[in-house]
Amino acid sequence: MTVTIWHNPKCGTSRKVLAMIRASGVEPEVIAYLNHPPPAETIRRLAAEAGLTIRQLLRQKEAPFAELGLGDPALSDAQLLDAVAGHPVLLERPLVRTPRGTRLCRPAEAVLDLLDPAPAAGGAPAGAGAPSAC
């Protein structure tokens, strides 16, 4: 299974989701989006795949949100995407894409719907004696 996570290592939720992906037996493609901001079209596609608006992918708690007046409902998606391009910290995280779909994984447990169950140790049936993912 191919898994991609747009990850911020300073974010506890993002670290937890990354650990959950790895616990499922998958080593994901990790995109450190603060260092490599995704192009506007990628953000548009991720939002559409996740069933979210561009505005729903903005981190309102980050300082640039207020400083740039991004709470103004008159701002277009293009203006919001320009703000994210200049301030990638505004992109909500973690976003995860798998063959099962794309999701903003907040809370972290949302990632479980996108993953195959972890392989059972020693050939035991899946879930038998396996630690809880939560």
N, C-alpha and C. Protein backbone atom coordinates (compact mmCIF):
# COMPACT_ATOMS: atom_id res chain seq x y z
N MET A 1 0.85 -1.18 0.00
CA MET A 1 0.00 0.00 0.00
C MET A 1 0.90 1.23 0.00
N THR A 2 0.60 2.16 -0.89
CA THR A 2 1.32 3.42 -0.95
C THR A 2 0.61 4.44 -0.06
N VAL A 3 1.37 5.04 0.85
CA VAL A 3 0.82 6.03 1.78
C VAL A 3 1.70 7.26 1.73
N THR A 4 1.07 8.42 1.65
CA THR A 4 1.78 9.69 1.68
C THR A 4 1.22 10.51 2.82
N ILE A 5 2.11 11.12 3.61
CA ILE A 5 1.69 12.00 4.69
C ILE A 5 2.38 13.35 4.51
N TRP A 6 1.59 14.41 4.57
CA TRP A 6 2.12 15.76 4.60
C TRP A 6 2.30 16.06 6.08
N HIS A 7 3.55 16.13 6.50
CA HIS A 7 3.94 16.00 7.91
C HIS A 7 4.67 17.23 8.43
N ASN A 8 4.36 17.58 9.68
CA ASN A 8 5.10 18.59 10.42
C ASN A 8 5.63 17.90 11.67
N PRO A 9 6.95 17.67 11.76
CA PRO A 9 7.49 16.93 12.89
C PRO A 9 7.31 17.64 14.24
N LYS A 10 6.98 18.92 14.23
CA LYS A 10 6.75 19.65 15.49
C LYS A 10 5.33 19.46 16.01
N CYS A 11 4.46 18.87 15.21
CA CYS A 11 3.05 18.69 15.56
C CYS A 11 2.85 17.31 16.18
N GLY A 12 2.32 17.28 17.40
CA GLY A 12 2.08 16.01 18.09
C GLY A 12 1.12 15.11 17.34
N THR A 13 0.05 15.66 16.78
CA THR A 13 -0.91 14.85 16.04
C THR A 13 -0.24 14.26 14.80
N SER A 14 0.56 15.05 14.12
CA SER A 14 1.24 14.56 12.93
C SER A 14 2.22 13.44 13.29
N ARG A 15 2.95 13.60 14.38
CA ARG A 15 3.87 12.52 14.82
C ARG A 15 3.10 11.26 15.17
N LYS A 16 1.95 11.41 15.82
CA LYS A 16 1.14 10.25 16.21
C LYS A 16 0.63 9.52 14.97
N VAL A 17 0.14 10.27 13.99
CA VAL A 17 -0.36 9.65 12.76
C VAL A 17 0.76 8.93 12.03
N LEU A 18 1.94 9.54 11.96
CA LEU A 18 3.07 8.89 11.32
C LEU A 18 3.41 7.58 12.03
N ALA A 19 3.39 7.57 13.35
CA ALA A 19 3.66 6.35 14.11
C ALA A 19 2.58 5.29 13.85
N MET A 20 1.33 5.70 13.73
CA MET A 20 0.25 4.76 13.46
C MET A 20 0.39 4.13 12.08
N ILE A 21 0.81 4.94 11.10
CA ILE A 21 1.03 4.41 9.75
C ILE A 21 2.14 3.36 9.80
N ARG A 22 3.23 3.70 10.45
CA ARG A 22 4.35 2.76 10.54
C ARG A 22 3.96 1.50 11.30
N ALA A 23 3.15 1.64 12.34
CA ALA A 23 2.69 0.47 13.11
C ALA A 23 1.83 -0.46 12.26
N SER A 24 1.25 0.07 11.19
CA SER A 24 0.44 -0.76 10.30
C SER A 24 1.31 -1.58 9.35
N GLY A 25 2.62 -1.37 9.42
CA GLY A 25 3.53 -2.13 8.57
C GLY A 25 3.93 -1.41 7.29
N VAL A 26 3.60 -0.13 7.19
CA VAL A 26 3.89 0.65 5.99
C VAL A 26 4.91 1.74 6.32
N GLU A 27 5.87 1.90 5.44
CA GLU A 27 6.77 3.05 5.54
C GLU A 27 6.27 4.07 4.51
N PRO A 28 5.67 5.16 4.98
CA PRO A 28 5.06 6.11 4.06
C PRO A 28 6.06 7.04 3.40
N GLU A 29 5.61 7.66 2.33
CA GLU A 29 6.34 8.80 1.78
C GLU A 29 6.01 9.97 2.70
N VAL A 30 7.02 10.58 3.29
CA VAL A 30 6.82 11.68 4.22
C VAL A 30 7.22 12.97 3.51
N ILE A 31 6.25 13.87 3.39
CA ILE A 31 6.51 15.16 2.77
C ILE A 31 6.56 16.20 3.89
N ALA A 32 7.75 16.74 4.11
CA ALA A 32 7.95 17.79 5.10
C ALA A 32 7.51 19.10 4.45
N TYR A 33 6.20 19.36 4.50
CA TYR A 33 5.63 20.44 3.71
C TYR A 33 6.09 21.83 4.14
N LEU A 34 6.63 21.98 5.36
CA LEU A 34 7.16 23.29 5.74
C LEU A 34 8.41 23.61 4.94
N ASN A 35 9.19 22.58 4.61
CA ASN A 35 10.40 22.75 3.81
C ASN A 35 10.11 22.68 2.31
N HIS A 36 9.08 21.94 1.94
CA HIS A 36 8.72 21.73 0.54
C HIS A 36 7.22 21.95 0.38
N PRO A 37 6.77 23.22 0.40
CA PRO A 37 5.33 23.48 0.31
C PRO A 37 4.74 22.92 -0.98
N PRO A 38 3.59 22.28 -0.87
CA PRO A 38 2.97 21.74 -2.08
C PRO A 38 2.44 22.88 -2.95
N PRO A 39 2.49 22.69 -4.26
CA PRO A 39 1.93 23.70 -5.16
C PRO A 39 0.42 23.85 -4.93
N ALA A 40 -0.09 24.99 -5.33
CA ALA A 40 -1.51 25.29 -5.14
C ALA A 40 -2.39 24.18 -5.72
N GLU A 41 -2.04 23.65 -6.88
CA GLU A 41 -2.87 22.62 -7.51
C GLU A 41 -2.89 21.35 -6.67
N THR A 42 -1.79 21.02 -6.03
CA THR A 42 -1.75 19.84 -5.15
C THR A 42 -2.68 20.05 -3.96
N ILE A 43 -2.65 21.24 -3.38
CA ILE A 43 -3.52 21.53 -2.24
C ILE A 43 -4.99 21.46 -2.68
N ARG A 44 -5.29 22.02 -3.86
CA ARG A 44 -6.67 21.93 -4.39
C ARG A 44 -7.12 20.47 -4.52
N ARG A 45 -6.23 19.65 -5.09
CA ARG A 45 -6.55 18.24 -5.31
C ARG A 45 -6.74 17.51 -3.98
N LEU A 46 -5.86 17.75 -3.02
CA LEU A 46 -5.99 17.13 -1.70
C LEU A 46 -7.30 17.53 -1.03
N ALA A 47 -7.63 18.81 -1.11
CA ALA A 47 -8.89 19.28 -0.51
C ALA A 47 -10.08 18.58 -1.16
N ALA A 48 -10.08 18.52 -2.49
CA ALA A 48 -11.19 17.87 -3.20
C ALA A 48 -11.28 16.39 -2.84
N GLU A 49 -10.13 15.70 -2.82
CA GLU A 49 -10.13 14.28 -2.48
C GLU A 49 -10.65 14.03 -1.07
N ALA A 50 -10.36 14.97 -0.15
CA ALA A 50 -10.78 14.83 1.24
C ALA A 50 -12.18 15.37 1.48
N GLY A 51 -12.77 15.97 0.45
CA GLY A 51 -14.12 16.53 0.60
C GLY A 51 -14.13 17.80 1.45
N LEU A 52 -13.04 18.56 1.39
CA LEU A 52 -12.91 19.78 2.18
C LEU A 52 -12.75 20.99 1.27
N THR A 53 -13.03 22.15 1.82
CA THR A 53 -12.76 23.40 1.12
C THR A 53 -11.33 23.83 1.43
N ILE A 54 -10.82 24.74 0.64
CA ILE A 54 -9.48 25.29 0.91
C ILE A 54 -9.48 25.92 2.30
N ARG A 55 -10.52 26.63 2.63
CA ARG A 55 -10.62 27.29 3.94
C ARG A 55 -10.54 26.27 5.08
N GLN A 56 -11.11 25.09 4.89
CA GLN A 56 -11.07 24.05 5.92
C GLN A 56 -9.68 23.46 6.12
N LEU A 57 -8.78 23.71 5.17
CA LEU A 57 -7.41 23.23 5.29
C LEU A 57 -6.47 24.28 5.90
N LEU A 58 -7.03 25.39 6.37
CA LEU A 58 -6.20 26.43 6.98
C LEU A 58 -6.15 26.25 8.49
N ARG A 59 -4.96 26.43 9.05
CA ARG A 59 -4.78 26.42 10.50
C ARG A 59 -5.04 27.83 11.01
N GLN A 60 -6.19 27.99 11.62
CA GLN A 60 -6.59 29.31 12.10
C GLN A 60 -5.80 29.75 13.32
N LYS A 61 -5.19 28.82 14.04
CA LYS A 61 -4.45 29.15 15.27
C LYS A 61 -3.06 29.72 14.98
N GLU A 62 -2.60 29.62 13.76
CA GLU A 62 -1.27 30.13 13.43
C GLU A 62 -1.32 31.65 13.24
N ALA A 63 -0.26 32.32 13.68
CA ALA A 63 -0.20 33.79 13.65
C ALA A 63 -0.49 34.38 12.27
N PRO A 64 0.05 33.81 11.18
CA PRO A 64 -0.22 34.44 9.88
C PRO A 64 -1.71 34.48 9.52
N PHE A 65 -2.51 33.58 10.07
CA PHE A 65 -3.94 33.57 9.74
C PHE A 65 -4.55 34.93 10.10
N ALA A 66 -4.33 35.38 11.33
CA ALA A 66 -4.89 36.67 11.78
C ALA A 66 -4.16 37.83 11.11
N GLU A 67 -2.84 37.73 11.04
CA GLU A 67 -2.05 38.81 10.47
C GLU A 67 -2.43 39.12 9.02
N LEU A 68 -2.79 38.09 8.28
CA LEU A 68 -3.15 38.25 6.87
C LEU A 68 -4.65 38.45 6.65
N GLY A 69 -5.41 38.44 7.74
CA GLY A 69 -6.86 38.64 7.62
C GLY A 69 -7.55 37.50 6.89
N LEU A 70 -7.07 36.27 7.07
CA LEU A 70 -7.62 35.14 6.32
C LEU A 70 -9.00 34.70 6.79
N GLY A 71 -9.48 35.26 7.87
CA GLY A 71 -10.83 34.96 8.32
C GLY A 71 -11.89 35.67 7.49
N ASP A 72 -11.48 36.56 6.61
CA ASP A 72 -12.40 37.32 5.75
C ASP A 72 -13.05 36.36 4.76
N PRO A 73 -14.39 36.16 4.86
CA PRO A 73 -15.05 35.21 3.97
C PRO A 73 -15.05 35.65 2.50
N ALA A 74 -14.70 36.90 2.24
CA ALA A 74 -14.68 37.38 0.85
C ALA A 74 -13.43 36.93 0.10
N LEU A 75 -12.44 36.41 0.82
CA LEU A 75 -11.21 35.96 0.15
C LEU A 75 -11.48 34.73 -0.71
N SER A 76 -10.90 34.72 -1.88
CA SER A 76 -11.09 33.60 -2.81
C SER A 76 -10.15 32.45 -2.45
N ASP A 77 -10.43 31.28 -3.02
CA ASP A 77 -9.54 30.14 -2.84
C ASP A 77 -8.14 30.48 -3.32
N ALA A 78 -8.04 31.20 -4.44
CA ALA A 78 -6.73 31.57 -4.97
C ALA A 78 -5.96 32.44 -3.97
N GLN A 79 -6.65 33.36 -3.30
CA GLN A 79 -5.99 34.20 -2.31
C GLN A 79 -5.55 33.36 -1.10
N LEU A 80 -6.39 32.42 -0.70
CA LEU A 80 -6.02 31.55 0.42
C LEU A 80 -4.83 30.68 0.06
N LEU A 81 -4.81 30.16 -1.15
CA LEU A 81 -3.69 29.33 -1.60
C LEU A 81 -2.41 30.14 -1.70
N ASP A 82 -2.51 31.41 -2.11
CA ASP A 82 -1.33 32.27 -2.14
C ASP A 82 -0.77 32.45 -0.73
N ALA A 83 -1.67 32.60 0.25
CA ALA A 83 -1.24 32.75 1.64
C ALA A 83 -0.51 31.49 2.12
N VAL A 84 -1.03 30.32 1.76
CA VAL A 84 -0.38 29.07 2.16
C VAL A 84 0.98 28.94 1.47
N ALA A 85 1.07 29.36 0.23
CA ALA A 85 2.35 29.30 -0.48
C ALA A 85 3.41 30.14 0.23
N GLY A 86 3.02 31.29 0.74
CA GLY A 86 3.95 32.16 1.45
C GLY A 86 4.17 31.77 2.90
N HIS A 87 3.21 31.04 3.47
CA HIS A 87 3.26 30.65 4.88
C HIS A 87 2.75 29.21 5.01
N PRO A 88 3.57 28.23 4.64
CA PRO A 88 3.10 26.84 4.63
C PRO A 88 2.61 26.34 6.00
N VAL A 89 2.99 27.02 7.07
CA VAL A 89 2.51 26.63 8.41
C VAL A 89 0.98 26.75 8.49
N LEU A 90 0.40 27.48 7.56
CA LEU A 90 -1.06 27.63 7.54
C LEU A 90 -1.79 26.38 7.08
N LEU A 91 -1.09 25.45 6.47
CA LEU A 91 -1.73 24.22 5.99
C LEU A 91 -1.99 23.29 7.17
N GLU A 92 -3.25 22.91 7.33
CA GLU A 92 -3.63 22.00 8.42
C GLU A 92 -2.96 20.66 8.18
N ARG A 93 -2.65 19.99 9.27
CA ARG A 93 -1.96 18.71 9.19
C ARG A 93 -2.47 17.76 10.23
N PRO A 94 -2.17 16.50 10.02
CA PRO A 94 -1.53 15.88 8.87
C PRO A 94 -2.56 15.47 7.82
N LEU A 95 -2.20 15.66 6.60
CA LEU A 95 -2.98 15.13 5.48
C LEU A 95 -2.36 13.81 5.08
N VAL A 96 -3.21 12.81 4.85
CA VAL A 96 -2.73 11.48 4.47
C VAL A 96 -3.51 11.01 3.25
N ARG A 97 -2.75 10.46 2.28
CA ARG A 97 -3.37 9.88 1.07
C ARG A 97 -2.94 8.42 0.98
N THR A 98 -3.93 7.54 0.77
CA THR A 98 -3.68 6.12 0.54
C THR A 98 -4.61 5.70 -0.61
N PRO A 99 -4.50 4.46 -1.08
CA PRO A 99 -5.46 4.00 -2.09
C PRO A 99 -6.91 4.03 -1.60
N ARG A 100 -7.10 4.08 -0.30
CA ARG A 100 -8.46 4.14 0.26
C ARG A 100 -9.02 5.55 0.33
N GLY A 101 -8.20 6.56 0.05
CA GLY A 101 -8.69 7.93 0.06
C GLY A 101 -7.70 8.89 0.67
N THR A 102 -8.16 10.12 0.80
CA THR A 102 -7.37 11.20 1.36
C THR A 102 -8.14 11.79 2.52
N ARG A 103 -7.43 12.07 3.60
CA ARG A 103 -8.12 12.57 4.78
C ARG A 103 -7.21 13.50 5.58
N LEU A 104 -7.84 14.51 6.17
CA LEU A 104 -7.18 15.31 7.19
C LEU A 104 -7.33 14.51 8.47
N CYS A 105 -6.24 14.05 9.02
CA CYS A 105 -6.29 13.09 10.13
C CYS A 105 -6.26 13.81 11.48
N ARG A 106 -7.33 14.48 11.77
CA ARG A 106 -7.57 15.13 13.05
C ARG A 106 -8.97 14.72 13.45
N PRO A 107 -9.13 13.90 14.43
CA PRO A 107 -8.12 13.35 15.33
C PRO A 107 -7.26 12.30 14.61
N ALA A 108 -6.16 11.96 15.24
CA ALA A 108 -5.19 11.04 14.65
C ALA A 108 -5.82 9.71 14.25
N GLU A 109 -6.79 9.24 15.01
CA GLU A 109 -7.40 7.93 14.75
C GLU A 109 -8.12 7.88 13.40
N ALA A 110 -8.37 9.03 12.79
CA ALA A 110 -9.00 9.05 11.46
C ALA A 110 -8.15 8.31 10.43
N VAL A 111 -6.85 8.21 10.67
CA VAL A 111 -5.97 7.52 9.72
C VAL A 111 -6.29 6.03 9.64
N LEU A 112 -6.85 5.47 10.68
CA LEU A 112 -7.10 4.02 10.70
C LEU A 112 -8.02 3.57 9.58
N ASP A 113 -8.95 4.43 9.17
CA ASP A 113 -9.85 4.08 8.07
C ASP A 113 -9.13 4.01 6.73
N LEU A 114 -7.93 4.57 6.67
CA LEU A 114 -7.18 4.61 5.43
C LEU A 114 -6.14 3.51 5.31
N LEU A 115 -5.95 2.73 6.39
CA LEU A 115 -4.87 1.75 6.44
C LEU A 115 -5.39 0.32 6.47
N ASP A 116 -4.56 -0.59 5.97
CA ASP A 116 -4.83 -2.01 6.15
C ASP A 116 -4.48 -2.36 7.59
N PRO A 117 -5.10 -3.38 8.15
CA PRO A 117 -4.73 -3.79 9.51
C PRO A 117 -3.26 -4.19 9.56
N ALA A 118 -2.64 -3.97 10.72
CA ALA A 118 -1.24 -4.36 10.90
C ALA A 118 -1.10 -5.86 10.74
N PRO A 119 0.00 -6.32 10.14
CA PRO A 119 0.19 -7.76 10.02
C PRO A 119 0.28 -8.40 11.40
N ALA A 120 -0.35 -9.55 11.54
CA ALA A 120 -0.34 -10.26 12.82
C ALA A 120 1.02 -10.91 13.02
N ALA A 121 1.53 -10.85 14.24
CA ALA A 121 2.82 -11.46 14.56
C ALA A 121 2.66 -12.97 14.66
N GLY A 122 3.62 -13.70 14.15
CA GLY A 122 3.65 -15.15 14.30
C GLY A 122 2.51 -15.88 13.62
N GLY A 123 1.89 -15.27 12.62
CA GLY A 123 0.85 -15.95 11.88
C GLY A 123 -0.49 -16.00 12.59
N ALA A 124 -0.63 -15.32 13.70
CA ALA A 124 -1.92 -15.29 14.39
C ALA A 124 -2.92 -14.51 13.54
N PRO A 125 -4.22 -14.79 13.70
CA PRO A 125 -5.21 -14.04 12.94
C PRO A 125 -5.10 -12.56 13.22
N ALA A 126 -5.40 -11.74 12.24
CA ALA A 126 -5.33 -10.30 12.40
C ALA A 126 -6.17 -9.88 13.60
N GLY A 127 -5.58 -9.05 14.43
CA GLY A 127 -6.29 -8.54 15.60
C GLY A 127 -6.12 -9.42 16.83
N ALA A 128 -5.71 -10.66 16.69
CA ALA A 128 -5.57 -11.55 17.82
C ALA A 128 -4.32 -11.18 18.60
N GLY A 129 -4.49 -10.67 19.78
CA GLY A 129 -3.38 -10.31 20.62
C GLY A 129 -2.62 -9.07 20.17
N ALA A 130 -3.09 -8.43 19.14
CA ALA A 130 -2.42 -7.23 18.66
C ALA A 130 -2.75 -6.06 19.56
N PRO A 131 -1.79 -5.18 19.80
CA PRO A 131 -2.08 -4.02 20.65
C PRO A 131 -3.09 -3.11 19.97
N SER A 132 -3.86 -2.45 20.76
CA SER A 132 -4.85 -1.51 20.25
C SER A 132 -4.14 -0.35 19.56
N ALA A 133 -4.70 0.13 18.47
CA ALA A 133 -4.11 1.27 17.76
C ALA A 133 -4.44 2.58 18.44
N CYS A 134 -5.35 2.58 19.35
CA CYS A 134 -5.73 3.84 20.01
C CYS A 134 -4.99 4.05 21.29
